[in-house]
């Protein structure tokens, strides 16, 4: 996937792909938190798009190949542009790239999140739990629950990490 161009593309020039691995649940808690995060910090990881010609106007538009949730969150957060990798992709490869983009993610374990959160608080002594939870677009309760995981014994912590 090294043949791509990186650009900031206006959201009004992007279309949702007709080939989708999964639909966006705009009422789900995770999606609402993503929109809040995008409002606060923007899009951190570019989406993948491909160039298409608009059937009606003949203009170049872009279709989302991978990153449909980020694209929708950017729209709902009121952004004007989104960082994107523009790549030449055939229809037959779109779903494959969506699956690869989702299946190859290495999930952060709960204990790793907890240690990272503790480190953030230690490095920023004036940062309150409320401000940190706001930066993360999570509730203070969520933050307290994650920090509480640091009190678990080794065996119990490993069970939590394994799900």
N, C-alpha and C. Protein backbone atom coordinates (compact mmCIF):
# COMPACT_ATOMS: atom_id res chain seq x y z
N UNK A 1 0.82 -1.19 0.00
CA UNK A 1 0.00 0.00 0.00
C UNK A 1 0.87 1.25 0.00
N UNK A 2 1.98 1.21 -0.65
CA UNK A 2 2.87 2.36 -0.62
C UNK A 2 2.58 3.36 -1.72
N UNK A 3 1.75 3.05 -2.70
CA UNK A 3 1.45 3.97 -3.78
C UNK A 3 0.21 4.79 -3.45
N UNK A 4 0.42 5.86 -2.69
CA UNK A 4 -0.70 6.72 -2.34
C UNK A 4 -0.20 8.16 -2.23
N UNK A 5 -1.14 9.07 -2.25
CA UNK A 5 -0.87 10.48 -2.04
C UNK A 5 -1.58 10.89 -0.77
N UNK A 6 -0.92 11.65 0.07
CA UNK A 6 -1.53 12.14 1.31
C UNK A 6 -2.02 13.56 1.07
N UNK A 7 -3.27 13.84 1.41
CA UNK A 7 -3.85 15.17 1.18
C UNK A 7 -4.94 15.44 2.21
N UNK A 8 -5.20 16.72 2.42
CA UNK A 8 -6.37 17.14 3.18
C UNK A 8 -7.48 17.36 2.15
N UNK A 9 -8.54 16.60 2.25
CA UNK A 9 -9.62 16.64 1.25
C UNK A 9 -10.87 17.26 1.89
N UNK A 10 -11.51 18.17 1.19
CA UNK A 10 -12.78 18.72 1.69
C UNK A 10 -13.81 17.59 1.86
N UNK A 11 -14.50 17.61 2.97
CA UNK A 11 -15.48 16.55 3.24
C UNK A 11 -16.59 16.52 2.19
N UNK A 12 -16.91 17.67 1.60
CA UNK A 12 -17.99 17.67 0.61
C UNK A 12 -17.56 17.04 -0.72
N UNK A 13 -16.28 16.69 -0.84
CA UNK A 13 -15.80 16.00 -2.05
C UNK A 13 -15.68 14.49 -1.83
N UNK A 14 -16.12 14.03 -0.67
CA UNK A 14 -16.00 12.60 -0.32
C UNK A 14 -17.38 11.98 -0.24
N UNK A 15 -17.47 10.75 -0.72
CA UNK A 15 -18.71 9.98 -0.65
C UNK A 15 -18.46 8.71 0.15
N UNK A 16 -19.49 8.29 0.86
CA UNK A 16 -19.40 7.01 1.54
C UNK A 16 -19.38 5.92 0.47
N UNK A 17 -18.57 4.92 0.68
CA UNK A 17 -18.49 3.83 -0.28
C UNK A 17 -19.79 3.03 -0.27
N UNK A 18 -20.14 2.50 -1.42
CA UNK A 18 -21.29 1.60 -1.48
C UNK A 18 -20.90 0.21 -1.00
N UNK A 19 -19.61 -0.03 -0.89
CA UNK A 19 -19.08 -1.31 -0.43
C UNK A 19 -18.64 -1.11 1.02
N UNK A 20 -19.42 -1.63 1.96
CA UNK A 20 -19.14 -1.40 3.38
C UNK A 20 -19.07 -2.71 4.15
N UNK A 21 -18.06 -2.81 4.99
CA UNK A 21 -17.94 -3.94 5.89
C UNK A 21 -19.00 -3.85 6.98
N UNK A 22 -19.19 -2.64 7.50
CA UNK A 22 -20.19 -2.43 8.55
C UNK A 22 -20.71 -1.00 8.47
N UNK A 23 -21.92 -0.82 8.93
CA UNK A 23 -22.53 0.50 8.95
C UNK A 23 -22.17 1.23 10.23
N UNK A 24 -22.28 2.54 10.20
CA UNK A 24 -21.98 3.37 11.36
C UNK A 24 -23.22 3.46 12.23
N UNK A 25 -23.07 3.11 13.51
CA UNK A 25 -24.15 3.25 14.49
C UNK A 25 -23.97 4.61 15.15
N UNK A 26 -24.62 5.62 14.60
CA UNK A 26 -24.42 6.99 15.06
C UNK A 26 -25.00 7.25 16.45
N UNK A 27 -25.78 6.32 16.98
CA UNK A 27 -26.33 6.48 18.32
C UNK A 27 -25.52 5.71 19.36
N UNK A 28 -24.57 4.90 18.91
CA UNK A 28 -23.76 4.12 19.83
C UNK A 28 -22.82 4.98 20.65
N UNK A 29 -22.56 4.57 21.87
CA UNK A 29 -21.70 5.33 22.78
C UNK A 29 -20.31 5.55 22.20
N UNK A 30 -19.75 4.52 21.60
CA UNK A 30 -18.42 4.64 21.02
C UNK A 30 -18.36 5.68 19.91
N UNK A 31 -19.38 5.72 19.09
CA UNK A 31 -19.41 6.69 18.00
C UNK A 31 -19.56 8.11 18.54
N UNK A 32 -20.44 8.30 19.50
CA UNK A 32 -20.64 9.62 20.10
C UNK A 32 -19.32 10.10 20.72
N UNK A 33 -18.60 9.20 21.39
CA UNK A 33 -17.31 9.56 21.97
C UNK A 33 -16.30 9.90 20.88
N UNK A 34 -16.35 9.18 19.76
CA UNK A 34 -15.45 9.47 18.64
C UNK A 34 -15.70 10.88 18.10
N UNK A 35 -16.96 11.25 17.94
CA UNK A 35 -17.30 12.59 17.45
C UNK A 35 -16.76 13.65 18.41
N UNK A 36 -16.93 13.43 19.71
CA UNK A 36 -16.39 14.37 20.70
C UNK A 36 -14.88 14.48 20.59
N UNK A 37 -14.22 13.34 20.42
CA UNK A 37 -12.78 13.32 20.28
C UNK A 37 -12.33 14.09 19.03
N UNK A 38 -13.04 13.90 17.94
CA UNK A 38 -12.71 14.60 16.69
C UNK A 38 -12.92 16.11 16.87
N UNK A 39 -13.96 16.49 17.59
CA UNK A 39 -14.17 17.92 17.86
C UNK A 39 -13.00 18.50 18.63
N UNK A 40 -12.48 17.72 19.59
CA UNK A 40 -11.38 18.20 20.44
C UNK A 40 -10.02 18.14 19.76
N UNK A 41 -9.75 17.05 19.05
CA UNK A 41 -8.39 16.81 18.57
C UNK A 41 -8.28 16.62 17.06
N UNK A 42 -9.38 16.62 16.35
CA UNK A 42 -9.33 16.39 14.91
C UNK A 42 -9.16 14.91 14.60
N UNK A 43 -8.84 14.62 13.36
CA UNK A 43 -8.61 13.25 12.90
C UNK A 43 -7.12 12.96 13.03
N UNK A 44 -6.76 11.97 13.81
CA UNK A 44 -5.36 11.65 14.05
C UNK A 44 -4.78 10.71 13.00
N UNK A 45 -5.61 9.83 12.45
CA UNK A 45 -5.16 8.87 11.45
C UNK A 45 -5.93 9.10 10.15
N UNK A 46 -5.22 9.31 9.05
CA UNK A 46 -5.90 9.57 7.78
C UNK A 46 -6.80 8.40 7.37
N UNK A 47 -7.87 8.73 6.65
CA UNK A 47 -8.71 7.70 6.06
C UNK A 47 -8.10 7.32 4.72
N UNK A 48 -8.56 6.23 4.13
CA UNK A 48 -8.12 5.81 2.81
C UNK A 48 -9.27 6.02 1.84
N UNK A 49 -9.00 6.72 0.75
CA UNK A 49 -10.03 6.99 -0.26
C UNK A 49 -9.50 6.63 -1.65
N UNK A 50 -10.43 6.55 -2.59
CA UNK A 50 -10.06 6.35 -4.00
C UNK A 50 -10.80 7.38 -4.84
N UNK A 51 -10.18 7.78 -5.92
CA UNK A 51 -10.79 8.75 -6.83
C UNK A 51 -11.86 8.08 -7.69
N UNK A 52 -12.96 8.80 -7.88
CA UNK A 52 -14.03 8.38 -8.77
C UNK A 52 -14.52 9.60 -9.53
N UNK A 53 -15.22 9.39 -10.58
CA UNK A 53 -15.87 10.48 -11.32
C UNK A 53 -17.35 10.49 -10.95
N UNK A 54 -17.85 11.66 -10.58
CA UNK A 54 -19.27 11.82 -10.28
C UNK A 54 -20.05 11.61 -11.57
N UNK A 55 -21.01 10.70 -11.56
CA UNK A 55 -21.78 10.36 -12.75
C UNK A 55 -22.55 11.56 -13.31
N UNK A 56 -23.02 12.44 -12.43
CA UNK A 56 -23.84 13.57 -12.89
C UNK A 56 -22.99 14.75 -13.37
N UNK A 57 -21.95 15.09 -12.61
CA UNK A 57 -21.17 16.29 -12.91
C UNK A 57 -19.88 16.02 -13.66
N UNK A 58 -19.39 14.78 -13.59
CA UNK A 58 -18.11 14.45 -14.20
C UNK A 58 -16.91 14.89 -13.38
N UNK A 59 -17.17 15.51 -12.22
CA UNK A 59 -16.09 16.00 -11.36
C UNK A 59 -15.45 14.84 -10.60
N UNK A 60 -14.21 15.05 -10.22
CA UNK A 60 -13.53 14.06 -9.39
C UNK A 60 -14.07 14.14 -7.96
N UNK A 61 -14.47 13.00 -7.44
CA UNK A 61 -14.88 12.87 -6.04
C UNK A 61 -14.09 11.71 -5.46
N UNK A 62 -14.21 11.52 -4.18
CA UNK A 62 -13.47 10.46 -3.50
C UNK A 62 -14.44 9.58 -2.75
N UNK A 63 -14.20 8.27 -2.78
CA UNK A 63 -15.03 7.32 -2.04
C UNK A 63 -14.18 6.73 -0.92
N UNK A 64 -14.77 6.63 0.24
CA UNK A 64 -14.07 6.07 1.39
C UNK A 64 -13.82 4.59 1.14
N UNK A 65 -12.57 4.19 1.29
CA UNK A 65 -12.21 2.77 1.21
C UNK A 65 -12.11 2.22 2.62
N UNK A 66 -11.39 2.91 3.48
CA UNK A 66 -11.20 2.47 4.87
C UNK A 66 -11.20 3.71 5.74
N UNK A 67 -12.01 3.68 6.82
CA UNK A 67 -12.10 4.82 7.73
C UNK A 67 -13.47 5.47 7.72
N UNK A 68 -14.49 4.68 7.41
CA UNK A 68 -15.85 5.20 7.32
C UNK A 68 -16.33 5.85 8.62
N UNK A 69 -15.98 5.25 9.77
CA UNK A 69 -16.38 5.84 11.05
C UNK A 69 -15.71 7.19 11.26
N UNK A 70 -14.41 7.28 10.94
CA UNK A 70 -13.70 8.55 11.09
C UNK A 70 -14.28 9.60 10.14
N UNK A 71 -14.60 9.20 8.92
CA UNK A 71 -15.20 10.12 7.96
C UNK A 71 -16.54 10.66 8.50
N UNK A 72 -17.41 9.78 8.95
CA UNK A 72 -18.70 10.21 9.48
C UNK A 72 -18.54 11.07 10.73
N UNK A 73 -17.60 10.70 11.59
CA UNK A 73 -17.35 11.49 12.80
C UNK A 73 -16.85 12.89 12.44
N UNK A 74 -15.99 12.98 11.42
CA UNK A 74 -15.51 14.30 10.97
C UNK A 74 -16.67 15.15 10.46
N UNK A 75 -17.59 14.54 9.71
CA UNK A 75 -18.77 15.26 9.23
C UNK A 75 -19.62 15.73 10.39
N UNK A 76 -19.90 14.83 11.33
CA UNK A 76 -20.75 15.16 12.47
C UNK A 76 -20.09 16.13 13.44
N UNK A 77 -18.76 16.19 13.43
CA UNK A 77 -18.03 17.12 14.30
C UNK A 77 -17.93 18.51 13.67
N UNK A 78 -18.34 18.61 12.41
CA UNK A 78 -18.34 19.91 11.76
C UNK A 78 -17.02 20.29 11.10
N UNK A 79 -16.15 19.31 10.85
CA UNK A 79 -14.90 19.62 10.17
C UNK A 79 -15.17 19.95 8.70
N UNK A 80 -14.26 20.69 8.09
CA UNK A 80 -14.37 21.02 6.66
C UNK A 80 -13.53 20.10 5.79
N UNK A 81 -12.40 19.64 6.34
CA UNK A 81 -11.48 18.77 5.59
C UNK A 81 -11.07 17.59 6.48
N UNK A 82 -10.53 16.57 5.83
CA UNK A 82 -10.06 15.39 6.55
C UNK A 82 -8.76 14.92 5.90
N UNK A 83 -7.79 14.49 6.71
CA UNK A 83 -6.58 13.94 6.10
C UNK A 83 -6.90 12.58 5.49
N UNK A 84 -6.36 12.36 4.29
CA UNK A 84 -6.68 11.11 3.59
C UNK A 84 -5.50 10.65 2.74
N UNK A 85 -5.40 9.34 2.63
CA UNK A 85 -4.50 8.72 1.68
C UNK A 85 -5.34 8.44 0.44
N UNK A 86 -4.90 8.95 -0.70
CA UNK A 86 -5.61 8.72 -1.97
C UNK A 86 -4.88 7.60 -2.69
N UNK A 87 -5.63 6.56 -3.02
CA UNK A 87 -5.02 5.37 -3.60
C UNK A 87 -5.91 4.83 -4.72
N UNK A 88 -5.29 4.24 -5.71
CA UNK A 88 -6.05 3.60 -6.78
C UNK A 88 -6.45 2.21 -6.30
N UNK A 89 -7.77 1.98 -6.17
CA UNK A 89 -8.28 0.71 -5.64
C UNK A 89 -9.46 0.27 -6.48
N UNK A 90 -9.43 -0.97 -6.93
CA UNK A 90 -10.55 -1.55 -7.68
C UNK A 90 -11.66 -1.97 -6.72
N UNK A 91 -12.88 -2.04 -7.23
CA UNK A 91 -14.02 -2.47 -6.42
C UNK A 91 -13.74 -3.78 -5.70
N UNK A 92 -13.11 -4.70 -6.40
CA UNK A 92 -12.88 -6.03 -5.85
C UNK A 92 -11.93 -6.01 -4.64
N UNK A 93 -11.20 -4.94 -4.43
CA UNK A 93 -10.23 -4.86 -3.34
C UNK A 93 -10.73 -4.03 -2.16
N UNK A 94 -11.82 -3.27 -2.32
CA UNK A 94 -12.30 -2.36 -1.28
C UNK A 94 -12.63 -3.11 0.01
N UNK A 95 -13.47 -4.12 -0.08
CA UNK A 95 -13.88 -4.86 1.12
C UNK A 95 -12.67 -5.54 1.76
N UNK A 96 -11.77 -6.06 0.95
CA UNK A 96 -10.56 -6.68 1.47
C UNK A 96 -9.75 -5.68 2.31
N UNK A 97 -9.59 -4.46 1.82
CA UNK A 97 -8.84 -3.45 2.56
C UNK A 97 -9.56 -3.04 3.84
N UNK A 98 -10.90 -3.02 3.79
CA UNK A 98 -11.66 -2.70 5.00
C UNK A 98 -11.45 -3.77 6.07
N UNK A 99 -11.47 -5.01 5.65
CA UNK A 99 -11.26 -6.11 6.61
C UNK A 99 -9.84 -6.07 7.15
N UNK A 100 -8.86 -5.87 6.29
CA UNK A 100 -7.47 -5.79 6.75
C UNK A 100 -7.30 -4.64 7.73
N UNK A 101 -7.90 -3.49 7.42
CA UNK A 101 -7.80 -2.33 8.30
C UNK A 101 -8.41 -2.57 9.67
N UNK A 102 -9.40 -3.42 9.75
CA UNK A 102 -10.06 -3.70 11.03
C UNK A 102 -9.47 -4.89 11.76
N UNK A 103 -9.09 -5.91 11.04
CA UNK A 103 -8.64 -7.15 11.69
C UNK A 103 -7.19 -7.06 12.17
N UNK A 104 -6.39 -6.19 11.57
CA UNK A 104 -4.98 -6.13 11.92
C UNK A 104 -4.67 -5.14 13.04
N UNK A 105 -5.68 -4.58 13.65
CA UNK A 105 -5.45 -3.66 14.75
C UNK A 105 -5.00 -4.43 15.98
N UNK A 106 -4.01 -3.90 16.67
CA UNK A 106 -3.58 -4.47 17.94
C UNK A 106 -4.27 -3.66 19.03
N UNK A 107 -5.19 -4.29 19.70
CA UNK A 107 -5.95 -3.60 20.73
C UNK A 107 -5.09 -3.35 21.97
N UNK A 108 -5.25 -2.18 22.55
CA UNK A 108 -4.56 -1.86 23.79
C UNK A 108 -5.25 -2.59 24.93
N UNK A 109 -4.47 -3.24 25.77
CA UNK A 109 -5.04 -3.98 26.89
C UNK A 109 -5.45 -3.02 27.99
N UNK A 110 -6.48 -3.38 28.77
CA UNK A 110 -6.97 -2.50 29.83
C UNK A 110 -5.86 -2.04 30.79
N UNK A 111 -4.96 -2.94 31.16
CA UNK A 111 -3.88 -2.56 32.08
C UNK A 111 -2.94 -1.54 31.43
N UNK A 112 -2.72 -1.66 30.13
CA UNK A 112 -1.86 -0.70 29.42
C UNK A 112 -2.51 0.68 29.40
N UNK A 113 -3.83 0.72 29.15
CA UNK A 113 -4.54 1.99 29.23
C UNK A 113 -4.40 2.59 30.63
N UNK A 114 -4.61 1.76 31.63
CA UNK A 114 -4.58 2.23 33.01
C UNK A 114 -3.21 2.81 33.37
N UNK A 115 -2.16 2.13 32.98
CA UNK A 115 -0.81 2.63 33.27
C UNK A 115 -0.55 3.93 32.52
N UNK A 116 -1.00 4.00 31.29
CA UNK A 116 -0.84 5.22 30.52
C UNK A 116 -1.59 6.39 31.13
N UNK A 117 -2.81 6.13 31.60
CA UNK A 117 -3.60 7.17 32.24
C UNK A 117 -2.93 7.67 33.52
N UNK A 118 -2.41 6.73 34.31
CA UNK A 118 -1.70 7.11 35.53
C UNK A 118 -0.49 7.97 35.19
N UNK A 119 0.24 7.59 34.16
CA UNK A 119 1.42 8.36 33.75
C UNK A 119 1.05 9.77 33.32
N UNK A 120 -0.05 9.91 32.58
CA UNK A 120 -0.50 11.24 32.17
C UNK A 120 -0.76 12.10 33.40
N UNK A 121 -1.46 11.53 34.38
CA UNK A 121 -1.77 12.29 35.59
C UNK A 121 -0.50 12.62 36.38
N UNK A 122 0.45 11.70 36.44
CA UNK A 122 1.70 11.95 37.16
C UNK A 122 2.54 13.03 36.48
N UNK A 123 2.54 13.06 35.16
CA UNK A 123 3.34 14.05 34.41
C UNK A 123 2.68 15.43 34.39
N UNK A 124 1.40 15.47 34.71
CA UNK A 124 0.65 16.73 34.71
C UNK A 124 -0.06 16.89 36.05
N UNK A 125 0.67 17.29 37.09
CA UNK A 125 0.08 17.33 38.44
C UNK A 125 -1.13 18.26 38.60
N UNK A 126 -1.29 19.22 37.70
CA UNK A 126 -2.45 20.12 37.82
C UNK A 126 -3.65 19.63 37.01
N UNK A 127 -3.48 18.54 36.28
CA UNK A 127 -4.57 17.99 35.47
C UNK A 127 -5.56 17.25 36.37
N UNK A 128 -6.80 17.67 36.31
CA UNK A 128 -7.82 17.03 37.13
C UNK A 128 -8.43 15.85 36.39
N UNK A 129 -9.10 14.99 37.13
CA UNK A 129 -9.78 13.85 36.53
C UNK A 129 -10.85 14.33 35.55
N UNK A 130 -11.53 15.39 35.89
CA UNK A 130 -12.58 15.93 35.03
C UNK A 130 -12.00 16.42 33.71
N UNK A 131 -10.88 17.14 33.79
CA UNK A 131 -10.26 17.65 32.55
C UNK A 131 -9.72 16.50 31.70
N UNK A 132 -9.10 15.52 32.33
CA UNK A 132 -8.58 14.38 31.57
C UNK A 132 -9.71 13.61 30.92
N UNK A 133 -10.79 13.38 31.66
CA UNK A 133 -11.91 12.65 31.07
C UNK A 133 -12.48 13.43 29.89
N UNK A 134 -12.52 14.76 29.99
CA UNK A 134 -12.99 15.58 28.88
C UNK A 134 -12.08 15.47 27.67
N UNK A 135 -10.77 15.47 27.90
CA UNK A 135 -9.81 15.34 26.79
C UNK A 135 -9.97 14.00 26.08
N UNK A 136 -10.34 12.99 26.83
CA UNK A 136 -10.49 11.64 26.27
C UNK A 136 -11.90 11.36 25.75
N UNK A 137 -12.80 12.32 25.97
CA UNK A 137 -14.21 12.14 25.61
C UNK A 137 -14.80 10.91 26.30
N UNK A 138 -14.41 10.74 27.54
CA UNK A 138 -14.91 9.65 28.38
C UNK A 138 -15.42 10.25 29.68
N UNK A 139 -16.21 9.49 30.42
CA UNK A 139 -16.73 9.99 31.69
C UNK A 139 -15.68 9.84 32.79
N UNK A 140 -15.86 10.59 33.86
CA UNK A 140 -14.98 10.46 35.02
C UNK A 140 -15.12 9.06 35.60
N UNK A 141 -16.32 8.50 35.55
CA UNK A 141 -16.54 7.13 36.03
C UNK A 141 -15.68 6.15 35.24
N UNK A 142 -15.66 6.29 33.92
CA UNK A 142 -14.82 5.42 33.08
C UNK A 142 -13.36 5.54 33.49
N UNK A 143 -12.92 6.77 33.68
CA UNK A 143 -11.53 7.02 34.07
C UNK A 143 -11.21 6.38 35.42
N UNK A 144 -12.10 6.55 36.38
CA UNK A 144 -11.89 5.93 37.70
C UNK A 144 -11.87 4.41 37.61
N UNK A 145 -12.73 3.85 36.78
CA UNK A 145 -12.74 2.39 36.61
C UNK A 145 -11.42 1.90 36.02
N UNK A 146 -10.90 2.61 35.03
CA UNK A 146 -9.61 2.20 34.42
C UNK A 146 -8.47 2.32 35.42
N UNK A 147 -8.45 3.40 36.18
CA UNK A 147 -7.39 3.56 37.18
C UNK A 147 -7.53 2.53 38.29
N UNK A 148 -8.76 2.12 38.58
CA UNK A 148 -8.98 1.09 39.59
C UNK A 148 -8.38 -0.26 39.19
N UNK A 149 -8.21 -0.48 37.90
CA UNK A 149 -7.60 -1.74 37.44
C UNK A 149 -6.16 -1.89 37.91
N UNK A 150 -5.53 -0.78 38.24
CA UNK A 150 -4.15 -0.83 38.72
C UNK A 150 -4.05 -1.48 40.09
N UNK A 151 -5.16 -1.61 40.79
CA UNK A 151 -5.18 -2.21 42.12
C UNK A 151 -5.38 -3.72 42.09
N UNK A 152 -5.57 -4.29 40.90
CA UNK A 152 -5.81 -5.72 40.79
C UNK A 152 -4.51 -6.51 40.95
N UNK A 153 -4.63 -7.72 41.49
CA UNK A 153 -3.46 -8.59 41.60
C UNK A 153 -3.04 -9.05 40.21
N UNK A 154 -1.83 -9.57 40.08
CA UNK A 154 -1.28 -9.99 38.80
C UNK A 154 -2.17 -10.95 38.04
N UNK A 155 -2.66 -12.00 38.70
CA UNK A 155 -3.50 -12.99 38.02
C UNK A 155 -4.83 -12.39 37.57
N UNK A 156 -5.43 -11.60 38.44
CA UNK A 156 -6.70 -10.97 38.11
C UNK A 156 -6.53 -9.94 37.00
N UNK A 157 -5.46 -9.19 37.05
CA UNK A 157 -5.16 -8.20 36.00
C UNK A 157 -5.00 -8.90 34.65
N UNK A 158 -4.34 -10.03 34.63
CA UNK A 158 -4.14 -10.76 33.39
C UNK A 158 -5.47 -11.28 32.84
N UNK A 159 -6.37 -11.73 33.72
CA UNK A 159 -7.68 -12.16 33.28
C UNK A 159 -8.46 -11.01 32.64
N UNK A 160 -8.36 -9.82 33.23
CA UNK A 160 -9.02 -8.64 32.67
C UNK A 160 -8.44 -8.34 31.30
N UNK A 161 -7.12 -8.41 31.17
CA UNK A 161 -6.46 -8.14 29.89
C UNK A 161 -6.90 -9.13 28.80
N UNK A 162 -7.19 -10.34 29.21
CA UNK A 162 -7.61 -11.36 28.26
C UNK A 162 -9.10 -11.28 27.92
N UNK A 163 -9.81 -10.40 28.63
CA UNK A 163 -11.23 -10.19 28.34
C UNK A 163 -12.12 -10.98 29.22
